Amino acid sequence: MDKRLFDAQLKAAEVQGLLAHIAKNVNYKQDLEEPATRNIDVINATLSEVCQMLEKLNQELTNQ
């Protein structure tokens, strides 16, 4: 497997973990708005990284 694809998959798994963490906490506590907002910001940044990695990989594979 191409290392870049593997790296993108790791980032995607990181996002899944963050989403699971948010879901768990929000289900049990109502006062987590600030931590949830911070986690959402982290998710957005991570998704942006994943998209950039996949775009670059896609361009390189298309040009082969």
PDB file of N, CA and C in Angstrom:
ATOM      1  N   MET A   1       0.843  -1.183   0.000  1.00  0.00           N
ATOM      2  CA  MET A   1       0.000   0.000   0.000  1.00  0.00           C
ATOM      3  C   MET A   1       0.885   1.242   0.000  1.00  0.00           C
ATOM      4  N   ASP A   2       0.504   2.213  -0.755  1.00  0.00           N
ATOM      5  CA  ASP A   2       1.229   3.477  -0.806  1.00  0.00           C
ATOM      6  C   ASP A   2       1.214   4.129   0.581  1.00  0.00           C
ATOM      7  N   LYS A   3       2.376   4.597   1.035  1.00  0.00           N
ATOM      8  CA  LYS A   3       2.482   5.193   2.370  1.00  0.00           C
ATOM      9  C   LYS A   3       1.545   6.382   2.529  1.00  0.00           C
ATOM     10  N   ARG A   4       1.357   7.154   1.477  1.00  0.00           N
ATOM     11  CA  ARG A   4       0.485   8.330   1.576  1.00  0.00           C
ATOM     12  C   ARG A   4      -0.965   7.919   1.800  1.00  0.00           C
ATOM     13  N   LEU A   5      -1.374   6.858   1.140  1.00  0.00           N
ATOM     14  CA  LEU A   5      -2.732   6.359   1.346  1.00  0.00           C
ATOM     15  C   LEU A   5      -2.882   5.841   2.773  1.00  0.00           C
ATOM     16  N   PHE A   6      -1.857   5.143   3.255  1.00  0.00           N
ATOM     17  CA  PHE A   6      -1.856   4.655   4.629  1.00  0.00           C
ATOM     18  C   PHE A   6      -1.949   5.818   5.610  1.00  0.00           C
ATOM     19  N   ASP A   7      -1.170   6.889   5.367  1.00  0.00           N
ATOM     20  CA  ASP A   7      -1.210   8.069   6.230  1.00  0.00           C
ATOM     21  C   ASP A   7      -2.598   8.707   6.225  1.00  0.00           C
ATOM     22  N   ALA A   8      -3.221   8.770   5.063  1.00  0.00           N
ATOM     23  CA  ALA A   8      -4.570   9.336   4.969  1.00  0.00           C
ATOM     24  C   ALA A   8      -5.559   8.472   5.746  1.00  0.00           C
ATOM     25  N   GLN A   9      -5.386   7.155   5.669  1.00  0.00           N
ATOM     26  CA  GLN A   9      -6.271   6.262   6.413  1.00  0.00           C
ATOM     27  C   GLN A   9      -6.086   6.432   7.922  1.00  0.00           C
ATOM     28  N   LEU A  10      -4.843   6.655   8.353  1.00  0.00           N
ATOM     29  CA  LEU A  10      -4.602   6.901   9.773  1.00  0.00           C
ATOM     30  C   LEU A  10      -5.304   8.170  10.231  1.00  0.00           C
ATOM     31  N   LYS A  11      -5.236   9.218   9.408  1.00  0.00           N
ATOM     32  CA  LYS A  11      -5.918  10.473   9.745  1.00  0.00           C
ATOM     33  C   LYS A  11      -7.422  10.258   9.816  1.00  0.00           C
ATOM     34  N   ALA A  12      -7.960   9.493   8.883  1.00  0.00           N
ATOM     35  CA  ALA A  12      -9.398   9.213   8.890  1.00  0.00           C
ATOM     36  C   ALA A  12      -9.782   8.455  10.166  1.00  0.00           C
ATOM     37  N   ALA A  13      -8.941   7.518  10.585  1.00  0.00           N
ATOM     38  CA  ALA A  13      -9.198   6.776  11.823  1.00  0.00           C
ATOM     39  C   ALA A  13      -9.143   7.713  13.029  1.00  0.00           C
ATOM     40  N   GLU A  14      -8.239   8.686  12.978  1.00  0.00           N
ATOM     41  CA  GLU A  14      -8.148   9.681  14.048  1.00  0.00           C
ATOM     42  C   GLU A  14      -9.458  10.471  14.145  1.00  0.00           C
ATOM     43  N   VAL A  15     -10.005  10.842  13.005  1.00  0.00           N
ATOM     44  CA  VAL A  15     -11.279  11.566  12.976  1.00  0.00           C
ATOM     45  C   VAL A  15     -12.386  10.698  13.569  1.00  0.00           C
ATOM     46  N   GLN A  16     -12.412   9.425  13.204  1.00  0.00           N
ATOM     47  CA  GLN A  16     -13.436   8.527  13.746  1.00  0.00           C
ATOM     48  C   GLN A  16     -13.339   8.445  15.265  1.00  0.00           C
ATOM     49  N   GLY A  17     -12.118   8.389  15.772  1.00  0.00           N
ATOM     50  CA  GLY A  17     -11.925   8.341  17.219  1.00  0.00           C
ATOM     51  C   GLY A  17     -12.425   9.601  17.901  1.00  0.00           C
ATOM     52  N   LEU A  18     -12.140  10.746  17.298  1.00  0.00           N
ATOM     53  CA  LEU A  18     -12.612  12.008  17.866  1.00  0.00           C
ATOM     54  C   LEU A  18     -14.137  12.086  17.860  1.00  0.00           C
ATOM     55  N   LEU A  19     -14.742  11.649  16.771  1.00  0.00           N
ATOM     56  CA  LEU A  19     -16.204  11.659  16.692  1.00  0.00           C
ATOM     57  C   LEU A  19     -16.816  10.739  17.744  1.00  0.00           C
ATOM     58  N   ALA A  20     -16.223   9.584  17.946  1.00  0.00           N
ATOM     59  CA  ALA A  20     -16.723   8.653  18.957  1.00  0.00           C
ATOM     60  C   ALA A  20     -16.607   9.265  20.351  1.00  0.00           C
ATOM     61  N   HIS A  21     -15.498   9.953  20.600  1.00  0.00           N
ATOM     62  CA  HIS A  21     -15.284  10.605  21.894  1.00  0.00           C
ATOM     63  C   HIS A  21     -16.346  11.675  22.134  1.00  0.00           C
ATOM     64  N   ILE A  22     -16.620  12.478  21.129  1.00  0.00           N
ATOM     65  CA  ILE A  22     -17.643  13.522  21.258  1.00  0.00           C
ATOM     66  C   ILE A  22     -19.003  12.893  21.520  1.00  0.00           C
ATOM     67  N   ALA A  23     -19.357  11.893  20.736  1.00  0.00           N
ATOM     68  CA  ALA A  23     -20.667  11.259  20.883  1.00  0.00           C
ATOM     69  C   ALA A  23     -20.838  10.689  22.289  1.00  0.00           C
ATOM     70  N   LYS A  24     -19.807  10.034  22.794  1.00  0.00           N
ATOM     71  CA  LYS A  24     -19.872   9.440  24.129  1.00  0.00           C
ATOM     72  C   LYS A  24     -20.082  10.515  25.187  1.00  0.00           C
ATOM     73  N   ASN A  25     -19.301  11.578  25.110  1.00  0.00           N
ATOM     74  CA  ASN A  25     -19.391  12.631  26.124  1.00  0.00           C
ATOM     75  C   ASN A  25     -20.691  13.412  26.045  1.00  0.00           C
ATOM     76  N   VAL A  26     -21.134  13.723  24.855  1.00  0.00           N
ATOM     77  CA  VAL A  26     -22.363  14.497  24.704  1.00  0.00           C
ATOM     78  C   VAL A  26     -23.563  13.684  25.175  1.00  0.00           C
ATOM     79  N   ASN A  27     -23.520  12.384  24.972  1.00  0.00           N
ATOM     80  CA  ASN A  27     -24.627  11.539  25.430  1.00  0.00           C
ATOM     81  C   ASN A  27     -24.745  11.517  26.950  1.00  0.00           C
ATOM     82  N   TYR A  28     -23.633  11.688  27.668  1.00  0.00           N
ATOM     83  CA  TYR A  28     -23.663  11.563  29.123  1.00  0.00           C
ATOM     84  C   TYR A  28     -23.654  12.892  29.866  1.00  0.00           C
ATOM     85  N   LYS A  29     -23.198  13.950  29.225  1.00  0.00           N
ATOM     86  CA  LYS A  29     -23.085  15.229  29.928  1.00  0.00           C
ATOM     87  C   LYS A  29     -23.540  16.356  29.016  1.00  0.00           C
ATOM     88  N   GLN A  30     -24.302  17.261  29.583  1.00  0.00           N
ATOM     89  CA  GLN A  30     -24.804  18.382  28.789  1.00  0.00           C
ATOM     90  C   GLN A  30     -23.879  19.595  28.851  1.00  0.00           C
ATOM     91  N   ASP A  31     -22.932  19.625  29.760  1.00  0.00           N
ATOM     92  CA  ASP A  31     -22.095  20.810  29.961  1.00  0.00           C
ATOM     93  C   ASP A  31     -20.760  20.719  29.222  1.00  0.00           C
ATOM     94  N   LEU A  32     -20.726  19.991  28.134  1.00  0.00           N
ATOM     95  CA  LEU A  32     -19.466  19.804  27.411  1.00  0.00           C
ATOM     96  C   LEU A  32     -19.400  20.610  26.118  1.00  0.00           C
ATOM     97  N   GLU A  33     -20.155  21.681  26.046  1.00  0.00           N
ATOM     98  CA  GLU A  33     -20.188  22.448  24.806  1.00  0.00           C
ATOM     99  C   GLU A  33     -18.796  22.952  24.412  1.00  0.00           C
ATOM    100  N   GLU A  34     -18.054  23.501  25.372  1.00  0.00           N
ATOM    101  CA  GLU A  34     -16.724  24.033  25.048  1.00  0.00           C
ATOM    102  C   GLU A  34     -15.758  22.927  24.609  1.00  0.00           C
ATOM    103  N   PRO A  35     -15.629  21.817  25.371  1.00  0.00           N
ATOM    104  CA  PRO A  35     -14.753  20.735  24.890  1.00  0.00           C
ATOM    105  C   PRO A  35     -15.209  20.166  23.548  1.00  0.00           C
ATOM    106  N   ALA A  36     -16.521  20.061  23.358  1.00  0.00           N
ATOM    107  CA  ALA A  36     -17.024  19.542  22.084  1.00  0.00           C
ATOM    108  C   ALA A  36     -16.641  20.480  20.949  1.00  0.00           C
ATOM    109  N   THR A  37     -16.739  21.781  21.194  1.00  0.00           N
ATOM    110  CA  THR A  37     -16.359  22.758  20.171  1.00  0.00           C
ATOM    111  C   THR A  37     -14.876  22.632  19.841  1.00  0.00           C
ATOM    112  N   ARG A  38     -14.044  22.455  20.859  1.00  0.00           N
ATOM    113  CA  ARG A  38     -12.604  22.275  20.607  1.00  0.00           C
ATOM    114  C   ARG A  38     -12.363  21.016  19.784  1.00  0.00           C
ATOM    115  N   ASN A  39     -13.051  19.933  20.134  1.00  0.00           N
ATOM    116  CA  ASN A  39     -12.891  18.691  19.381  1.00  0.00           C
ATOM    117  C   ASN A  39     -13.358  18.847  17.945  1.00  0.00           C
ATOM    118  N   ILE A  40     -14.434  19.581  17.742  1.00  0.00           N
ATOM    119  CA  ILE A  40     -14.921  19.815  16.383  1.00  0.00           C
ATOM    120  C   ILE A  40     -13.888  20.593  15.582  1.00  0.00           C
ATOM    121  N   ASP A  41     -13.232  21.562  16.210  1.00  0.00           N
ATOM    122  CA  ASP A  41     -12.172  22.302  15.524  1.00  0.00           C
ATOM    123  C   ASP A  41     -11.029  21.373  15.131  1.00  0.00           C
ATOM    124  N   VAL A  42     -10.678  20.447  16.031  1.00  0.00           N
ATOM    125  CA  VAL A  42      -9.622  19.474  15.730  1.00  0.00           C
ATOM    126  C   VAL A  42     -10.062  18.571  14.581  1.00  0.00           C
ATOM    127  N   ILE A  43     -11.317  18.145  14.608  1.00  0.00           N
ATOM    128  CA  ILE A  43     -11.843  17.300  13.532  1.00  0.00           C
ATOM    129  C   ILE A  43     -11.777  18.029  12.202  1.00  0.00           C
ATOM    130  N   ASN A  44     -12.196  19.283  12.187  1.00  0.00           N
ATOM    131  CA  ASN A  44     -12.156  20.053  10.946  1.00  0.00           C
ATOM    132  C   ASN A  44     -10.736  20.166  10.408  1.00  0.00           C
ATOM    133  N   ALA A  45      -9.784  20.436  11.284  1.00  0.00           N
ATOM    134  CA  ALA A  45      -8.391  20.542  10.855  1.00  0.00           C
ATOM    135  C   ALA A  45      -7.882  19.203  10.327  1.00  0.00           C
ATOM    136  N   THR A  46      -8.233  18.121  11.007  1.00  0.00           N
ATOM    137  CA  THR A  46      -7.792  16.795  10.582  1.00  0.00           C
ATOM    138  C   THR A  46      -8.418  16.411   9.251  1.00  0.00           C
ATOM    139  N   LEU A  47      -9.710  16.698   9.088  1.00  0.00           N
ATOM    140  CA  LEU A  47     -10.370  16.412   7.811  1.00  0.00           C
ATOM    141  C   LEU A  47      -9.745  17.214   6.683  1.00  0.00           C
ATOM    142  N   SER A  48      -9.375  18.441   6.967  1.00  0.00           N
ATOM    143  CA  SER A  48      -8.710  19.262   5.960  1.00  0.00           C
ATOM    144  C   SER A  48      -7.394  18.614   5.536  1.00  0.00           C
ATOM    145  N   GLU A  49      -6.635  18.115   6.523  1.00  0.00           N
ATOM    146  CA  GLU A  49      -5.385  17.409   6.216  1.00  0.00           C
ATOM    147  C   GLU A  49      -5.644  16.183   5.353  1.00  0.00           C
ATOM    148  N   VAL A  50      -6.652  15.398   5.729  1.00  0.00           N
ATOM    149  CA  VAL A  50      -6.987  14.188   4.972  1.00  0.00           C
ATOM    150  C   VAL A  50      -7.336  14.550   3.535  1.00  0.00           C
ATOM    151  N   CYS A  51      -8.165  15.567   3.363  1.00  0.00           N
ATOM    152  CA  CYS A  51      -8.562  15.976   2.010  1.00  0.00           C
ATOM    153  C   CYS A  51      -7.359  16.413   1.188  1.00  0.00           C
ATOM    154  N   GLN A  52      -6.465  17.187   1.791  1.00  0.00           N
ATOM    155  CA  GLN A  52      -5.265  17.626   1.075  1.00  0.00           C
ATOM    156  C   GLN A  52      -4.395  16.435   0.696  1.00  0.00           C
ATOM    157  N   MET A  53      -4.235  15.500   1.618  1.00  0.00           N
ATOM    158  CA  MET A  53      -3.417  14.317   1.340  1.00  0.00           C
ATOM    159  C   MET A  53      -4.021  13.507   0.200  1.00  0.00           C
ATOM    160  N   LEU A  54      -5.340  13.314   0.248  1.00  0.00           N
ATOM    161  CA  LEU A  54      -5.998  12.524  -0.788  1.00  0.00           C
ATOM    162  C   LEU A  54      -5.989  13.237  -2.133  1.00  0.00           C
ATOM    163  N   GLU A  55      -6.158  14.560  -2.139  1.00  0.00           N
ATOM    164  CA  GLU A  55      -6.096  15.310  -3.394  1.00  0.00           C
ATOM    165  C   GLU A  55      -4.719  15.173  -4.038  1.00  0.00           C
ATOM    166  N   LYS A  56      -3.678  15.330  -3.220  1.00  0.00           N
ATOM    167  CA  LYS A  56      -2.313  15.216  -3.735  1.00  0.00           C
ATOM    168  C   LYS A  56      -2.065  13.812  -4.276  1.00  0.00           C
ATOM    169  N   LEU A  57      -2.480  12.807  -3.526  1.00  0.00           N
ATOM    170  CA  LEU A  57      -2.299  11.424  -3.961  1.00  0.00           C
ATOM    171  C   LEU A  57      -3.067  11.158  -5.248  1.00  0.00           C
ATOM    172  N   ASN A  58      -4.287  11.654  -5.324  1.00  0.00           N
ATOM    173  CA  ASN A  58      -5.102  11.469  -6.520  1.00  0.00           C
ATOM    174  C   ASN A  58      -4.442  12.111  -7.736  1.00  0.00           C
ATOM    175  N   GLN A  59      -3.916  13.311  -7.573  1.00  0.00           N
ATOM    176  CA  GLN A  59      -3.237  13.985  -8.683  1.00  0.00           C
ATOM    177  C   GLN A  59      -2.026  13.184  -9.137  1.00  0.00           C
ATOM    178  N   GLU A  60      -1.250  12.688  -8.174  1.00  0.00           N
ATOM    179  CA  GLU A  60      -0.055  11.924  -8.523  1.00  0.00           C
ATOM    180  C   GLU A  60      -0.421  10.622  -9.229  1.00  0.00           C
ATOM    181  N   LEU A  61      -1.454   9.946  -8.750  1.00  0.00           N
ATOM    182  CA  LEU A  61      -1.859   8.695  -9.384  1.00  0.00           C
ATOM    183  C   LEU A  61      -2.447   8.944 -10.767  1.00  0.00           C
ATOM    184  N   THR A  62      -3.141  10.052 -10.937  1.00  0.00           N
ATOM    185  CA  THR A  62      -3.709  10.404 -12.241  1.00  0.00           C
ATOM    186  C   THR A  62      -2.606  10.702 -13.246  1.00  0.00           C
ATOM    187  N   ASN A  63      -1.522  11.291 -12.780  1.00  0.00           N
ATOM    188  CA  ASN A  63      -0.421  11.674 -13.668  1.00  0.00           C
ATOM    189  C   ASN A  63       0.521  10.521 -13.989  1.00  0.00           C
ATOM    190  N   GLN A  64       0.324   9.373 -13.386  1.00  0.00           N
ATOM    191  CA  GLN A  64       1.232   8.235 -13.643  1.00  0.00           C
ATOM    192  C   GLN A  64       0.968   7.626 -14.998  1.00  0.00           C
TER     193      GLN A  64
END
